[in-house]
Protein backbone atom coordinates (compact mmCIF):
# COMPACT_ATOMS: atom_id res chain seq x y z
CA MET A 1 27.50 59.71 -8.05
CA GLU A 2 25.39 57.91 -10.96
CA ASN A 3 21.48 57.86 -11.10
CA ALA A 4 20.74 53.90 -10.22
CA VAL A 5 18.66 53.71 -13.28
CA ALA A 6 21.52 54.89 -15.61
CA VAL A 7 23.94 52.24 -14.17
CA ALA A 8 20.88 49.73 -14.92
CA ASN A 9 20.69 50.77 -18.23
CA TYR A 10 24.34 50.02 -18.86
CA PHE A 11 23.64 46.52 -18.09
CA VAL A 12 20.56 46.34 -20.01
CA ARG A 13 22.66 47.41 -22.80
CA LYS A 14 25.25 44.84 -22.19
CA SER A 15 22.44 42.49 -22.22
CA LEU A 16 20.99 43.34 -25.39
CA ASP A 17 24.25 43.42 -26.77
CA SER A 18 25.56 40.33 -25.68
CA GLY A 19 22.40 38.16 -25.86
CA ILE A 20 22.48 37.29 -22.19
CA PRO A 21 19.06 38.08 -20.66
CA VAL A 22 18.68 40.03 -17.81
CA THR A 23 15.49 40.00 -15.83
CA PRO A 24 14.71 42.55 -13.08
CA MET A 25 15.51 40.78 -10.31
CA LYS A 26 19.15 40.03 -11.75
CA LEU A 27 19.28 43.73 -12.71
CA VAL A 28 18.50 45.03 -9.29
CA LYS A 29 21.25 42.35 -8.09
CA LEU A 30 23.85 43.49 -10.81
CA VAL A 31 23.72 47.16 -10.07
CA TYR A 32 23.85 46.42 -6.15
CA VAL A 33 27.23 44.23 -6.69
CA ALA A 34 28.51 47.17 -8.63
CA HIS A 35 27.71 49.67 -6.27
CA GLY A 36 29.22 47.14 -3.63
CA TRP A 37 32.87 46.77 -5.18
CA TYR A 38 32.82 50.52 -6.24
CA LEU A 39 32.47 51.48 -2.39
CA GLY A 40 34.75 48.49 -1.27
CA LEU A 41 37.54 49.58 -4.13
CA THR A 42 37.02 53.35 -4.36
CA GLY A 43 35.65 54.13 -0.71
CA GLU A 44 32.92 56.33 -2.92
CA PRO A 45 29.33 55.17 -3.72
CA LEU A 46 28.78 54.36 -7.56
CA ILE A 47 24.98 55.42 -7.22
CA ALA A 48 23.50 58.21 -5.21
CA GLU A 49 20.19 56.31 -3.94
CA ALA A 50 19.86 54.32 -0.90
CA VAL A 51 20.17 50.33 -1.29
CA GLN A 52 17.25 48.74 0.85
CA ALA A 53 16.83 45.49 2.77
CA TRP A 54 13.88 43.99 1.29
CA LYS A 55 12.73 40.28 2.03
CA TYR A 56 14.34 39.26 -1.00
CA GLY A 57 17.71 41.03 -0.82
CA PRO A 58 19.11 44.28 -1.48
CA VAL A 59 16.89 46.78 -3.80
CA ILE A 60 17.53 49.78 -5.52
CA PRO A 61 13.76 51.18 -5.37
CA SER A 62 14.05 53.38 -8.59
CA VAL A 63 15.83 50.25 -10.46
CA TYR A 64 12.82 48.13 -9.07
CA ASP A 65 10.04 50.44 -10.28
CA LYS A 66 11.39 51.17 -13.79
CA PHE A 67 11.58 47.67 -14.76
CA LYS A 68 9.13 45.71 -12.62
CA MET A 69 6.59 45.54 -15.41
CA TYR A 70 8.85 42.66 -17.21
CA GLY A 71 8.40 40.31 -14.23
CA GLY A 72 10.41 37.33 -14.54
CA ALA A 73 11.10 38.03 -18.04
CA PRO A 74 14.08 39.38 -19.76
CA ILE A 75 14.24 43.21 -19.97
CA THR A 76 13.74 44.53 -23.71
CA GLU A 77 14.91 47.76 -23.65
CA PRO A 78 16.84 50.45 -21.58
CA ALA A 79 14.61 52.65 -19.27
CA GLY A 80 13.67 55.87 -20.65
CA MET A 81 11.08 58.98 -20.03
CA LEU A 82 9.70 61.40 -22.41
CA SER A 83 11.20 64.44 -23.25
CA PRO A 84 8.81 67.75 -23.42
CA ASN A 85 8.99 67.55 -26.87
CA GLY A 86 7.71 63.78 -27.28
CA GLN A 87 11.48 62.12 -27.40
CA SER A 88 12.21 59.12 -25.47
CA VAL A 89 15.11 59.89 -23.39
CA TYR A 90 17.24 56.92 -21.87
CA TYR A 91 19.10 57.44 -18.62
CA SER A 92 23.02 56.99 -19.52
CA ILE A 93 26.06 57.16 -16.88
CA SER A 94 27.21 60.62 -16.66
CA LYS A 95 31.11 59.38 -16.23
CA PRO A 96 32.13 57.69 -19.43
CA GLU A 97 35.83 56.40 -17.70
CA LEU A 98 32.76 54.23 -15.45
CA ALA A 99 32.43 51.74 -18.42
CA ALA A 100 35.20 49.98 -17.82
CA PHE A 101 34.60 49.32 -14.13
CA LEU A 102 31.07 48.41 -15.05
CA ASP A 103 32.11 46.33 -18.07
CA LYS A 104 34.33 44.40 -15.48
CA VAL A 105 31.51 43.80 -13.34
CA TRP A 106 29.30 42.61 -16.25
CA GLU A 107 32.02 39.89 -17.41
CA GLU A 108 32.59 39.04 -13.74
CA TYR A 109 28.67 38.12 -13.12
CA LYS A 110 26.72 37.99 -16.67
CA ASP A 111 26.40 34.42 -16.16
CA TYR A 112 25.22 34.35 -12.65
CA SER A 113 21.50 33.62 -12.34
CA ALA A 114 19.00 36.10 -10.67
CA VAL A 115 18.73 33.32 -8.17
CA GLU A 116 22.44 32.74 -7.78
CA LEU A 117 23.21 36.71 -7.56
CA SER A 118 20.36 36.64 -4.79
CA ALA A 119 22.13 33.76 -3.01
CA LEU A 120 25.30 35.69 -2.57
CA THR A 121 23.60 38.78 -1.36
CA HIS A 122 21.74 36.70 1.24
CA GLN A 123 24.91 34.71 2.85
CA GLU A 124 25.65 35.53 6.59
CA ARG A 125 27.97 38.37 7.13
CA THR A 126 26.54 40.29 4.35
CA PRO A 127 25.24 43.82 4.59
CA TRP A 128 21.60 42.65 3.57
CA PHE A 129 21.81 39.91 6.15
CA ASP A 130 22.94 42.07 8.68
CA THR A 131 20.34 44.61 8.08
CA TRP A 132 17.45 42.51 7.51
CA HIS A 133 17.73 40.30 10.62
CA ASN A 134 19.59 42.59 13.25
CA LYS A 135 18.62 46.14 12.38
CA GLY A 136 14.91 45.99 11.97
CA GLY A 137 14.75 44.68 8.19
CA LYS A 138 12.29 42.11 8.73
CA VAL A 139 9.77 44.11 11.16
CA ASN A 140 10.08 47.63 9.09
CA ARG A 141 9.54 48.17 5.56
CA ALA A 142 12.56 49.20 3.23
CA VAL A 143 15.32 49.69 5.71
CA PRO A 144 18.52 51.36 4.19
CA ILE A 145 21.48 49.34 3.83
CA ALA A 146 24.42 51.52 5.43
CA ASN A 147 26.96 52.24 2.94
CA ASP A 148 29.35 51.86 5.39
CA ALA A 149 28.29 48.32 5.88
CA ILE A 150 28.33 47.52 1.81
CA GLN A 151 31.58 49.10 1.59
CA SER A 152 33.18 47.07 4.23
CA HIS A 153 31.65 44.11 3.21
CA TYR A 154 33.51 44.59 -0.45
CA HIS A 155 36.65 45.71 0.90
CA MET A 156 36.95 42.63 2.60
CA LEU A 157 36.26 40.99 -0.37
CA ALA A 158 38.54 42.80 -2.27
CA SER A 159 41.31 42.26 0.27
CA ALA A 160 40.77 38.60 0.25
CA ASN A 161 40.61 38.27 -3.44
CA VAL A 162 44.36 40.23 -3.60
CA ALA A 163 45.81 38.01 -0.57
């Protein structure tokens, strides 16, 4: 499993390389969608962190926290931290073989706006919708969306695309 911010940074780098802007909202949705497709196709989680049902959709808290300073503006650099010697260190994916998968997700969703990606995740019968409306999301802050529900949803989408 990957650090969610490392996956986010992968998409930020794709954004900067391609000139296609990514806002924090779009980035959170891209990481969620990548996690969903990975679960649906492999049965394994892409990220180690739980996805939470927030009012405006599924959120990965660490990704939100690292990039929220941009507000609705495009993100201009990957998230990092300072090393003990004062150098900037950026989170990167640990398994290079994931790059091809993440590239496919980017190619499929790069032209979606943040609002369009949000709308995809808010549809009825999605894991967020079920968690928000039926499993306490509306009344409790940050209810986790079960990986089993995400996996089932994206596995169903994958099966529908193959048929």
